[in-house]
PDB file of N, CA and C in Angstrom:
ATOM      1  N   GLN A   1      95.727 108.756 111.767  1.00  0.00           N
ATOM      2  CA  GLN A   1      94.797 108.677 110.641  1.00  0.00           C
ATOM      3  C   GLN A   1      93.709 107.590 110.979  1.00  0.00           C
ATOM      4  N   VAL A   2      92.486 107.969 110.840  1.00  0.00           N
ATOM      5  CA  VAL A   2      91.395 107.035 111.150  1.00  0.00           C
ATOM      6  C   VAL A   2      91.349 105.968 110.091  1.00  0.00           C
ATOM      7  N   GLN A   3      91.168 104.730 110.574  1.00  0.00           N
ATOM      8  CA  GLN A   3      90.887 103.580 109.685  1.00  0.00           C
ATOM      9  C   GLN A   3      89.597 102.962 110.087  1.00  0.00           C
ATOM     10  N   LEU A   4      88.855 102.452 109.119  1.00  0.00           N
ATOM     11  CA  LEU A   4      87.568 101.832 109.330  1.00  0.00           C
ATOM     12  C   LEU A   4      87.636 100.371 108.906  1.00  0.00           C
ATOM     13  N   VAL A   5      87.046  99.487 109.732  1.00  0.00           N
ATOM     14  CA  VAL A   5      87.019  98.076 109.433  1.00  0.00           C
ATOM     15  C   VAL A   5      85.582  97.560 109.572  1.00  0.00           C
ATOM     16  N   GLU A   6      85.039  97.083 108.457  1.00  0.00           N
ATOM     17  CA  GLU A   6      83.682  96.535 108.486  1.00  0.00           C
ATOM     18  C   GLU A   6      83.719  95.064 108.838  1.00  0.00           C
ATOM     19  N   SER A   7      82.627  94.600 109.441  1.00  0.00           N
ATOM     20  CA  SER A   7      82.444  93.143 109.741  1.00  0.00           C
ATOM     21  C   SER A   7      80.955  92.840 109.792  1.00  0.00           C
ATOM     22  N   GLY A   8      80.647  91.527 109.768  1.00  0.00           N
ATOM     23  CA  GLY A   8      79.261  91.120 109.961  1.00  0.00           C
ATOM     24  C   GLY A   8      78.637  90.678 108.677  1.00  0.00           C
ATOM     25  N   GLY A   9      79.312  90.761 107.514  1.00  0.00           N
ATOM     26  CA  GLY A   9      78.735  90.296 106.285  1.00  0.00           C
ATOM     27  C   GLY A   9      78.693  88.781 106.211  1.00  0.00           C
ATOM     28  N   GLY A  10      78.029  88.273 105.191  1.00  0.00           N
ATOM     29  CA  GLY A  10      77.994  86.861 104.982  1.00  0.00           C
ATOM     30  C   GLY A  10      76.915  86.455 104.073  1.00  0.00           C
ATOM     31  N   LEU A  11      76.537  85.111 104.101  1.00  0.00           N
ATOM     32  CA  LEU A  11      75.539  84.592 103.234  1.00  0.00           C
ATOM     33  C   LEU A  11      74.240  84.418 104.141  1.00  0.00           C
ATOM     34  N   VAL A  12      73.117  84.902 103.625  1.00  0.00           N
ATOM     35  CA  VAL A  12      71.907  84.813 104.371  1.00  0.00           C
ATOM     36  C   VAL A  12      70.762  84.510 103.390  1.00  0.00           C
ATOM     37  N   GLN A  13      69.779  83.780 103.851  1.00  0.00           N
ATOM     38  CA  GLN A  13      68.638  83.520 102.959  1.00  0.00           C
ATOM     39  C   GLN A  13      67.696  84.693 102.857  1.00  0.00           C
ATOM     40  N   PRO A  14      66.945  84.786 101.767  1.00  0.00           N
ATOM     41  CA  PRO A  14      65.956  85.901 101.639  1.00  0.00           C
ATOM     42  C   PRO A  14      65.057  85.949 102.851  1.00  0.00           C
ATOM     43  N   GLY A  15      64.796  87.106 103.362  1.00  0.00           N
ATOM     44  CA  GLY A  15      63.984  87.315 104.566  1.00  0.00           C
ATOM     45  C   GLY A  15      64.748  87.325 105.840  1.00  0.00           C
ATOM     46  N   GLY A  16      66.026  87.008 105.741  1.00  0.00           N
ATOM     47  CA  GLY A  16      66.869  86.946 106.931  1.00  0.00           C
ATOM     48  C   GLY A  16      67.438  88.303 107.291  1.00  0.00           C
ATOM     49  N   SER A  17      68.291  88.295 108.348  1.00  0.00           N
ATOM     50  CA  SER A  17      68.819  89.544 108.858  1.00  0.00           C
ATOM     51  C   SER A  17      70.306  89.427 109.030  1.00  0.00           C
ATOM     52  N   LEU A  18      70.977  90.574 109.011  1.00  0.00           N
ATOM     53  CA  LEU A  18      72.407  90.680 109.281  1.00  0.00           C
ATOM     54  C   LEU A  18      72.625  92.030 109.984  1.00  0.00           C
ATOM     55  N   ARG A  19      73.612  92.071 110.807  1.00  0.00           N
ATOM     56  CA  ARG A  19      74.037  93.308 111.457  1.00  0.00           C
ATOM     57  C   ARG A  19      75.459  93.573 111.112  1.00  0.00           C
ATOM     58  N   LEU A  20      75.728  94.643 110.338  1.00  0.00           N
ATOM     59  CA  LEU A  20      77.056  95.038 110.007  1.00  0.00           C
ATOM     60  C   LEU A  20      77.573  96.018 111.006  1.00  0.00           C
ATOM     61  N   ALA A  21      78.887  95.957 111.288  1.00  0.00           N
ATOM     62  CA  ALA A  21      79.519  96.829 112.152  1.00  0.00           C
ATOM     63  C   ALA A  21      80.749  97.488 111.465  1.00  0.00           C
ATOM     64  N   CYS A  22      81.015  98.739 111.815  1.00  0.00           N
ATOM     65  CA  CYS A  22      82.174  99.429 111.249  1.00  0.00           C
ATOM     66  C   CYS A  22      82.928 100.029 112.400  1.00  0.00           C
ATOM     67  N   ALA A  23      84.048  99.479 112.702  1.00  0.00           N
ATOM     68  CA  ALA A  23      84.824  99.947 113.865  1.00  0.00           C
ATOM     69  C   ALA A  23      85.958 100.879 113.403  1.00  0.00           C
ATOM     70  N   ALA A  24      86.106 101.951 114.091  1.00  0.00           N
ATOM     71  CA  ALA A  24      87.121 102.951 113.772  1.00  0.00           C
ATOM     72  C   ALA A  24      88.345 102.783 114.698  1.00  0.00           C
ATOM     73  N   SER A  25      89.543 102.972 114.138  1.00  0.00           N
ATOM     74  CA  SER A  25      90.729 103.018 114.930  1.00  0.00           C
ATOM     75  C   SER A  25      91.594 104.155 114.508  1.00  0.00           C
ATOM     76  N   GLY A  26      92.430 104.636 115.384  1.00  0.00           N
ATOM     77  CA  GLY A  26      93.304 105.788 115.064  1.00  0.00           C
ATOM     78  C   GLY A  26      92.664 107.123 115.186  1.00  0.00           C
ATOM     79  N   GLY A  27      91.452 107.120 115.724  1.00  0.00           N
ATOM     80  CA  GLY A  27      90.731 108.348 115.902  1.00  0.00           C
ATOM     81  C   GLY A  27      89.302 108.077 116.327  1.00  0.00           C
ATOM     82  N   THR A  28      88.550 109.110 116.574  1.00  0.00           N
ATOM     83  CA  THR A  28      87.193 108.874 117.057  1.00  0.00           C
ATOM     84  C   THR A  28      86.137 109.276 116.028  1.00  0.00           C
ATOM     85  N   ILE A  29      85.132 108.464 115.916  1.00  0.00           N
ATOM     86  CA  ILE A  29      84.074 108.749 114.928  1.00  0.00           C
ATOM     87  C   ILE A  29      83.254 109.967 115.365  1.00  0.00           C
ATOM     88  N   PHE A  30      83.389 110.384 116.636  1.00  0.00           N
ATOM     89  CA  PHE A  30      82.650 111.483 117.112  1.00  0.00           C
ATOM     90  C   PHE A  30      82.980 112.775 116.309  1.00  0.00           C
ATOM     91  N   ASN A  31      84.230 112.802 115.871  1.00  0.00           N
ATOM     92  CA  ASN A  31      84.685 113.994 115.132  1.00  0.00           C
ATOM     93  C   ASN A  31      84.114 114.099 113.744  1.00  0.00           C
ATOM     94  N   PHE A  32      83.483 113.025 113.236  1.00  0.00           N
ATOM     95  CA  PHE A  32      82.961 113.054 111.883  1.00  0.00           C
ATOM     96  C   PHE A  32      81.487 113.431 111.929  1.00  0.00           C
ATOM     97  N   GLY A  33      81.142 114.361 111.160  1.00  0.00           N
ATOM     98  CA  GLY A  33      79.703 114.848 111.181  1.00  0.00           C
ATOM     99  C   GLY A  33      78.761 113.811 110.647  1.00  0.00           C
ATOM    100  N   ALA A  34      79.203 113.056 109.654  1.00  0.00           N
ATOM    101  CA  ALA A  34      78.277 112.079 109.088  1.00  0.00           C
ATOM    102  C   ALA A  34      79.009 110.746 108.907  1.00  0.00           C
ATOM    103  N   LEU A  35      78.302 109.725 109.242  1.00  0.00           N
ATOM    104  CA  LEU A  35      78.806 108.349 108.973  1.00  0.00           C
ATOM    105  C   LEU A  35      77.783 107.640 108.117  1.00  0.00           C
ATOM    106  N   GLY A  36      78.278 106.971 107.134  1.00  0.00           N
ATOM    107  CA  GLY A  36      77.352 106.352 106.171  1.00  0.00           C
ATOM    108  C   GLY A  36      77.728 104.925 105.789  1.00  0.00           C
ATOM    109  N   TRP A  37      76.705 104.220 105.369  1.00  0.00           N
ATOM    110  CA  TRP A  37      76.874 102.898 104.768  1.00  0.00           C
ATOM    111  C   TRP A  37      76.511 102.998 103.250  1.00  0.00           C
ATOM    112  N   TYR A  38      77.365 102.435 102.447  1.00  0.00           N
ATOM    113  CA  TYR A  38      77.163 102.424 101.016  1.00  0.00           C
ATOM    114  C   TYR A  38      77.269 100.969 100.519  1.00  0.00           C
ATOM    115  N   ARG A  39      76.831 100.702  99.327  1.00  0.00           N
ATOM    116  CA  ARG A  39      76.976  99.388  98.805  1.00  0.00           C
ATOM    117  C   ARG A  39      77.246  99.410  97.300  1.00  0.00           C
ATOM    118  N   GLN A  40      77.945  98.388  96.811  1.00  0.00           N
ATOM    119  CA  GLN A  40      78.228  98.308  95.404  1.00  0.00           C
ATOM    120  C   GLN A  40      77.977  96.840  94.946  1.00  0.00           C
ATOM    121  N   ALA A  41      77.049  96.720  94.057  1.00  0.00           N
ATOM    122  CA  ALA A  41      76.759  95.412  93.488  1.00  0.00           C
ATOM    123  C   ALA A  41      77.570  95.257  92.224  1.00  0.00           C
ATOM    124  N   PRO A  42      77.820  93.990  91.788  1.00  0.00           N
ATOM    125  CA  PRO A  42      78.653  93.784  90.561  1.00  0.00           C
ATOM    126  C   PRO A  42      78.046  94.499  89.366  1.00  0.00           C
ATOM    127  N   GLY A  43      78.908  95.231  88.671  1.00  0.00           N
ATOM    128  CA  GLY A  43      78.501  95.955  87.500  1.00  0.00           C
ATOM    129  C   GLY A  43      77.705  97.233  87.726  1.00  0.00           C
ATOM    130  N   LYS A  44      77.611  97.581  88.979  1.00  0.00           N
ATOM    131  CA  LYS A  44      76.825  98.803  89.370  1.00  0.00           C
ATOM    132  C   LYS A  44      77.685  99.784  90.096  1.00  0.00           C
ATOM    133  N   GLU A  45      77.266 101.015  90.124  1.00  0.00           N
ATOM    134  CA  GLU A  45      77.959 102.058  90.863  1.00  0.00           C
ATOM    135  C   GLU A  45      77.684 101.922  92.355  1.00  0.00           C
ATOM    136  N   ARG A  46      78.645 102.465  93.098  1.00  0.00           N
ATOM    137  CA  ARG A  46      78.428 102.484  94.588  1.00  0.00           C
ATOM    138  C   ARG A  46      77.297 103.431  94.904  1.00  0.00           C
ATOM    139  N   GLU A  47      76.366 103.030  95.806  1.00  0.00           N
ATOM    140  CA  GLU A  47      75.227 103.865  96.130  1.00  0.00           C
ATOM    141  C   GLU A  47      75.090 103.967  97.647  1.00  0.00           C
ATOM    142  N   LEU A  48      74.517 105.098  98.081  1.00  0.00           N
ATOM    143  CA  LEU A  48      74.271 105.332  99.446  1.00  0.00           C
ATOM    144  C   LEU A  48      73.125 104.404  99.958  1.00  0.00           C
ATOM    145  N   VAL A  49      73.365 103.812 101.150  1.00  0.00           N
ATOM    146  CA  VAL A  49      72.287 103.034 101.751  1.00  0.00           C
ATOM    147  C   VAL A  49      71.667 103.813 102.905  1.00  0.00           C
ATOM    148  N   ALA A  50      72.494 104.384 103.783  1.00  0.00           N
ATOM    149  CA  ALA A  50      71.977 105.065 104.996  1.00  0.00           C
ATOM    150  C   ALA A  50      73.075 105.945 105.504  1.00  0.00           C
ATOM    151  N   VAL A  51      72.672 107.043 106.169  1.00  0.00           N
ATOM    152  CA  VAL A  51      73.654 107.985 106.757  1.00  0.00           C
ATOM    153  C   VAL A  51      73.104 108.439 108.098  1.00  0.00           C
ATOM    154  N   ILE A  52      74.051 108.652 109.057  1.00  0.00           N
ATOM    155  CA  ILE A  52      73.645 109.141 110.349  1.00  0.00           C
ATOM    156  C   ILE A  52      74.537 110.344 110.691  1.00  0.00           C
ATOM    157  N   GLY A  53      73.890 111.380 111.256  1.00  0.00           N
ATOM    158  CA  GLY A  53      74.644 112.606 111.579  1.00  0.00           C
ATOM    159  C   GLY A  53      75.016 112.692 113.026  1.00  0.00           C
ATOM    160  N   TYR A  54      75.596 113.879 113.408  1.00  0.00           N
ATOM    161  CA  TYR A  54      76.018 114.122 114.806  1.00  0.00           C
ATOM    162  C   TYR A  54      74.942 113.816 115.821  1.00  0.00           C
ATOM    163  N   GLY A  55      73.811 114.339 115.579  1.00  0.00           N
ATOM    164  CA  GLY A  55      72.676 114.256 116.511  1.00  0.00           C
ATOM    165  C   GLY A  55      71.880 113.023 116.319  1.00  0.00           C
ATOM    166  N   SER A  56      72.460 112.085 115.600  1.00  0.00           N
ATOM    167  CA  SER A  56      71.795 110.769 115.254  1.00  0.00           C
ATOM    168  C   SER A  56      70.603 110.932 114.347  1.00  0.00           C
ATOM    169  N   SER A  57      70.578 112.034 113.649  1.00  0.00           N
ATOM    170  CA  SER A  57      69.559 112.187 112.577  1.00  0.00           C
ATOM    171  C   SER A  57      69.959 111.171 111.493  1.00  0.00           C
ATOM    172  N   THR A  58      68.982 110.600 110.832  1.00  0.00           N
ATOM    173  CA  THR A  58      69.256 109.538 109.842  1.00  0.00           C
ATOM    174  C   THR A  58      68.610 109.775 108.492  1.00  0.00           C
ATOM    175  N   ASN A  59      69.127 109.198 107.468  1.00  0.00           N
ATOM    176  CA  ASN A  59      68.518 109.296 106.187  1.00  0.00           C
ATOM    177  C   ASN A  59      68.764 107.980 105.437  1.00  0.00           C
ATOM    178  N   TYR A  60      67.781 107.533 104.716  1.00  0.00           N
ATOM    179  CA  TYR A  60      67.925 106.228 104.093  1.00  0.00           C
ATOM    180  C   TYR A  60      67.590 106.304 102.609  1.00  0.00           C
ATOM    181  N   ALA A  61      68.213 105.431 101.828  1.00  0.00           N
ATOM    182  CA  ALA A  61      67.777 105.207 100.454  1.00  0.00           C
ATOM    183  C   ALA A  61      66.384 104.574 100.493  1.00  0.00           C
ATOM    184  N   ASP A  62      65.616 104.840  99.438  1.00  0.00           N
ATOM    185  CA  ASP A  62      64.256 104.297  99.356  1.00  0.00           C
ATOM    186  C   ASP A  62      64.278 102.800  99.531  1.00  0.00           C
ATOM    187  N   SER A  63      65.283 102.149  98.978  1.00  0.00           N
ATOM    188  CA  SER A  63      65.388 100.691  98.984  1.00  0.00           C
ATOM    189  C   SER A  63      65.608 100.160 100.422  1.00  0.00           C
ATOM    190  N   ALA A  64      66.106 101.020 101.355  1.00  0.00           N
ATOM    191  CA  ALA A  64      66.429 100.600 102.705  1.00  0.00           C
ATOM    192  C   ALA A  64      65.379 100.976 103.725  1.00  0.00           C
ATOM    193  N   LYS A  65      64.585 101.923 103.361  1.00  0.00           N
ATOM    194  CA  LYS A  65      63.547 102.404 104.323  1.00  0.00           C
ATOM    195  C   LYS A  65      62.624 101.270 104.811  1.00  0.00           C
ATOM    196  N   GLY A  66      62.443 101.243 106.129  1.00  0.00           N
ATOM    197  CA  GLY A  66      61.580 100.245 106.695  1.00  0.00           C
ATOM    198  C   GLY A  66      62.226  98.901 106.986  1.00  0.00           C
ATOM    199  N   ARG A  67      63.442  98.685 106.410  1.00  0.00           N
ATOM    200  CA  ARG A  67      64.125  97.418 106.561  1.00  0.00           C
ATOM    201  C   ARG A  67      65.447  97.515 107.291  1.00  0.00           C
ATOM    202  N   PHE A  68      66.164  98.610 107.019  1.00  0.00           N
ATOM    203  CA  PHE A  68      67.499  98.816 107.583  1.00  0.00           C
ATOM    204  C   PHE A  68      67.456  99.930 108.622  1.00  0.00           C
ATOM    205  N   THR A  69      68.365  99.811 109.587  1.00  0.00           N
ATOM    206  CA  THR A  69      68.529 100.795 110.636  1.00  0.00           C
ATOM    207  C   THR A  69      69.979 101.094 110.851  1.00  0.00           C
ATOM    208  N   ILE A  70      70.358 102.353 110.764  1.00  0.00           N
ATOM    209  CA  ILE A  70      71.739 102.784 111.016  1.00  0.00           C
ATOM    210  C   ILE A  70      71.791 103.373 112.374  1.00  0.00           C
ATOM    211  N   SER A  71      72.882 103.050 113.110  1.00  0.00           N
ATOM    212  CA  SER A  71      73.049 103.625 114.436  1.00  0.00           C
ATOM    213  C   SER A  71      74.499 103.794 114.699  1.00  0.00           C
ATOM    214  N   ARG A  72      74.860 104.635 115.708  1.00  0.00           N
ATOM    215  CA  ARG A  72      76.284 104.873 116.069  1.00  0.00           C
ATOM    216  C   ARG A  72      76.419 104.778 117.524  1.00  0.00           C
ATOM    217  N   ASP A  73      77.551 104.232 117.937  1.00  0.00           N
ATOM    218  CA  ASP A  73      77.937 104.151 119.362  1.00  0.00           C
ATOM    219  C   ASP A  73      79.274 104.869 119.487  1.00  0.00           C
ATOM    220  N   ASN A  74      79.188 106.137 119.864  1.00  0.00           N
ATOM    221  CA  ASN A  74      80.473 106.882 119.961  1.00  0.00           C
ATOM    222  C   ASN A  74      81.395 106.358 121.015  1.00  0.00           C
ATOM    223  N   GLY A  75      80.882 105.742 122.042  1.00  0.00           N
ATOM    224  CA  GLY A  75      81.717 105.160 123.111  1.00  0.00           C
ATOM    225  C   GLY A  75      82.530 103.964 122.612  1.00  0.00           C
ATOM    226  N   LYS A  76      81.918 103.211 121.693  1.00  0.00           N
ATOM    227  CA  LYS A  76      82.594 102.021 121.097  1.00  0.00           C
ATOM    228  C   LYS A  76      83.227 102.381 119.786  1.00  0.00           C
ATOM    229  N   ASN A  77      83.114 103.651 119.377  1.00  0.00           N
ATOM    230  CA  ASN A  77      83.722 104.087 118.090  1.00  0.00           C
ATOM    231  C   ASN A  77      83.275 103.216 116.936  1.00  0.00           C
ATOM    232  N   THR A  78      82.016 102.943 116.920  1.00  0.00           N
ATOM    233  CA  THR A  78      81.456 102.014 115.934  1.00  0.00           C
ATOM    234  C   THR A  78      80.125 102.500 115.385  1.00  0.00           C
ATOM    235  N   VAL A  79      79.906 102.214 114.104  1.00  0.00           N
ATOM    236  CA  VAL A  79      78.627 102.501 113.487  1.00  0.00           C
ATOM    237  C   VAL A  79      78.064 101.161 112.971  1.00  0.00           C
ATOM    238  N   TYR A  80      76.804 100.969 113.086  1.00  0.00           N
ATOM    239  CA  TYR A  80      76.110  99.745 112.789  1.00  0.00           C
ATOM    240  C   TYR A  80      75.110  99.898 111.661  1.00  0.00           C
ATOM    241  N   LEU A  81      74.811  98.815 110.979  1.00  0.00           N
ATOM    242  CA  LEU A  81      73.699  98.784 110.019  1.00  0.00           C
ATOM    243  C   LEU A  81      72.964  97.450 110.274  1.00  0.00           C
ATOM    244  N   GLN A  82      71.789  97.574 110.874  1.00  0.00           N
ATOM    245  CA  GLN A  82      70.918  96.417 111.046  1.00  0.00           C
ATOM    246  C   GLN A  82      70.061  96.240 109.797  1.00  0.00           C
ATOM    247  N   MET A  83      70.152  95.097 109.213  1.00  0.00           N
ATOM    248  CA  MET A  83      69.457  94.845 107.940  1.00  0.00           C
ATOM    249  C   MET A  83      68.480  93.671 108.128  1.00  0.00           C
ATOM    250  N   ASN A  84      67.215  93.954 107.988  1.00  0.00           N
ATOM    251  CA  ASN A  84      66.132  92.944 108.154  1.00  0.00           C
ATOM    252  C   ASN A  84      65.412  92.703 106.779  1.00  0.00           C
ATOM    253  N   SER A  85      64.722  91.624 106.733  1.00  0.00           N
ATOM    254  CA  SER A  85      63.937  91.332 105.533  1.00  0.00           C
ATOM    255  C   SER A  85      64.789  91.447 104.246  1.00  0.00           C
ATOM    256  N   LEU A  86      65.909  90.857 104.309  1.00  0.00           N
ATOM    257  CA  LEU A  86      66.886  90.977 103.168  1.00  0.00           C
ATOM    258  C   LEU A  86      66.359  90.325 101.906  1.00  0.00           C
ATOM    259  N   LYS A  87      66.724  90.921 100.809  1.00  0.00           N
ATOM    260  CA  LYS A  87      66.281  90.465  99.499  1.00  0.00           C
ATOM    261  C   LYS A  87      67.517  90.138  98.647  1.00  0.00           C
ATOM    262  N   PRO A  88      67.388  89.312  97.650  1.00  0.00           N
ATOM    263  CA  PRO A  88      68.492  89.028  96.721  1.00  0.00           C
ATOM    264  C   PRO A  88      69.141  90.301  96.179  1.00  0.00           C
ATOM    265  N   GLU A  89      68.318  91.296  95.909  1.00  0.00           N
ATOM    266  CA  GLU A  89      68.856  92.564  95.348  1.00  0.00           C
ATOM    267  C   GLU A  89      69.666  93.370  96.334  1.00  0.00           C
ATOM    268  N   ASP A  90      69.711  92.916  97.582  1.00  0.00           N
ATOM    269  CA  ASP A  90      70.582  93.595  98.589  1.00  0.00           C
ATOM    270  C   ASP A  90      72.015  93.031  98.500  1.00  0.00           C
ATOM    271  N   THR A  91      72.218  92.054  97.693  1.00  0.00           N
ATOM    272  CA  THR A  91      73.583  91.461  97.512  1.00  0.00           C
ATOM    273  C   THR A  91      74.557  92.475  96.972  1.00  0.00           C
ATOM    274  N   ALA A  92      75.638  92.700  97.745  1.00  0.00           N
ATOM    275  CA  ALA A  92      76.594  93.707  97.353  1.00  0.00           C
ATOM    276  C   ALA A  92      77.760  93.685  98.325  1.00  0.00           C
ATOM    277  N   VAL A  93      78.772  94.423  98.029  1.00  0.00           N
ATOM    278  CA  VAL A  93      79.828  94.760  99.019  1.00  0.00           C
ATOM    279  C   VAL A  93      79.390  96.009  99.742  1.00  0.00           C
ATOM    280  N   TYR A  94      79.354  95.970 101.044  1.00  0.00           N
ATOM    281  CA  TYR A  94      78.898  97.082 101.846  1.00  0.00           C
ATOM    282  C   TYR A  94      80.164  97.791 102.437  1.00  0.00           C
ATOM    283  N   TYR A  95      80.169  99.102 102.311  1.00  0.00           N
ATOM    284  CA  TYR A  95      81.255  99.937 102.800  1.00  0.00           C
ATOM    285  C   TYR A  95      80.732 100.936 103.788  1.00  0.00           C
ATOM    286  N   CYS A  96      81.561 101.277 104.735  1.00  0.00           N
ATOM    287  CA  CYS A  96      81.229 102.397 105.595  1.00  0.00           C
ATOM    288  C   CYS A  96      82.142 103.576 105.242  1.00  0.00           C
ATOM    289  N   ARG A  97      81.623 104.754 105.542  1.00  0.00           N
ATOM    290  CA  ARG A  97      82.379 105.981 105.218  1.00  0.00           C
ATOM    291  C   ARG A  97      82.250 106.929 106.395  1.00  0.00           C
ATOM    292  N   ALA A  98      83.330 107.591 106.766  1.00  0.00           N
ATOM    293  CA  ALA A  98      83.353 108.593 107.775  1.00  0.00           C
ATOM    294  C   ALA A  98      83.650 109.940 107.153  1.00  0.00           C
ATOM    295  N   GLY A  99      82.803 110.890 107.404  1.00  0.00           N
ATOM    296  CA  GLY A  99      83.062 112.219 106.732  1.00  0.00           C
ATOM    297  C   GLY A  99      82.899 112.054 105.248  1.00  0.00           C
ATOM    298  N   SER A 100      83.751 112.662 104.541  1.00  0.00           N
ATOM    299  CA  SER A 100      83.686 112.728 103.079  1.00  0.00           C
ATOM    300  C   SER A 100      84.763 111.830 102.436  1.00  0.00           C
ATOM    301  N   SER A 101      85.756 111.397 103.200  1.00  0.00           N
ATOM    302  CA  SER A 101      86.837 110.735 102.457  1.00  0.00           C
ATOM    303  C   SER A 101      87.417 109.485 103.097  1.00  0.00           C
ATOM    304  N   VAL A 102      86.965 109.052 104.210  1.00  0.00           N
ATOM    305  CA  VAL A 102      87.489 107.879 104.888  1.00  0.00           C
ATOM    306  C   VAL A 102      86.586 106.688 104.656  1.00  0.00           C
ATOM    307  N   TRP A 103      87.144 105.655 103.994  1.00  0.00           N
ATOM    308  CA  TRP A 103      86.349 104.497 103.614  1.00  0.00           C
ATOM    309  C   TRP A 103      86.937 103.245 104.261  1.00  0.00           C
ATOM    310  N   GLY A 104      86.077 102.290 104.588  1.00  0.00           N
ATOM    311  CA  GLY A 104      86.548 100.923 104.974  1.00  0.00           C
ATOM    312  C   GLY A 104      86.789 100.120 103.742  1.00  0.00           C
ATOM    313  N   GLN A 105      87.205  98.843 103.998  1.00  0.00           N
ATOM    314  CA  GLN A 105      87.604  97.976 102.876  1.00  0.00           C
ATOM    315  C   GLN A 105      86.398  97.231 102.296  1.00  0.00           C
ATOM    316  N   GLY A 106      85.282  97.203 103.049  1.00  0.00           N
ATOM    317  CA  GLY A 106      84.062  96.544 102.565  1.00  0.00           C
ATOM    318  C   GLY A 106      83.851  95.196 103.144  1.00  0.00           C
ATOM    319  N   THR A 107      82.564  94.761 103.220  1.00  0.00           N
ATOM    320  CA  THR A 107      82.215  93.410 103.658  1.00  0.00           C
ATOM    321  C   THR A 107      81.139  92.897 102.701  1.00  0.00           C
ATOM    322  N   GLN A 108      81.295  91.680 102.268  1.00  0.00           N
ATOM    323  CA  GLN A 108      80.355  91.070 101.311  1.00  0.00           C
ATOM    324  C   GLN A 108      79.081  90.593 101.981  1.00  0.00           C
ATOM    325  N   VAL A 109      77.970  90.981 101.443  1.00  0.00           N
ATOM    326  CA  VAL A 109      76.663  90.501 101.831  1.00  0.00           C
ATOM    327  C   VAL A 109      76.087  89.808 100.663  1.00  0.00           C
ATOM    328  N   THR A 110      75.723  88.545 100.807  1.00  0.00           N
ATOM    329  CA  THR A 110      75.042  87.757  99.788  1.00  0.00           C
ATOM    330  C   THR A 110      73.713  87.199 100.284  1.00  0.00           C
ATOM    331  N   VAL A 111      72.647  87.552  99.598  1.00  0.00           N
ATOM    332  CA  VAL A 111      71.358  87.075  99.942  1.00  0.00           C
ATOM    333  C   VAL A 111      70.874  86.097  98.887  1.00  0.00           C
ATOM    334  N   SER A 112      70.790  84.836  99.258  1.00  0.00           N
ATOM    335  CA  SER A 112      70.489  83.792  98.295  1.00  0.00           C
ATOM    336  C   SER A 112      69.976  82.559  99.063  1.00  0.00           C
ATOM    337  N   SER A 113      69.066  81.860  98.390  1.00  0.00           N
ATOM    338  CA  SER A 113      68.573  80.579  98.917  1.00  0.00           C
ATOM    339  C   SER A 113      69.416  79.393  98.417  1.00  0.00           C
TER     340      SER A 113
END
């Protein structure tokens, strides 16, 4: 059974950058058609941030376009989310998802001065 572990979260000032990583174990991410990053802020529903498909096609939430970049490294069994120009409203727990049902445990991102 595939397990996902996120890392790379933390506290960053507005305008800063973070790179999140989601490493898979117990299976290969290559088998999953879509890999996605989601986030959930306090009191809000979980929302899609970015998704990447088999052929590395990507799709982004409007809030992420131009600032975030999703990528996948099938050889390292890892999917990444590069986040630039971070804003306080990006503060949330970020989760990765493989396919339709495999979720990681989340990593906290806090953007604050």
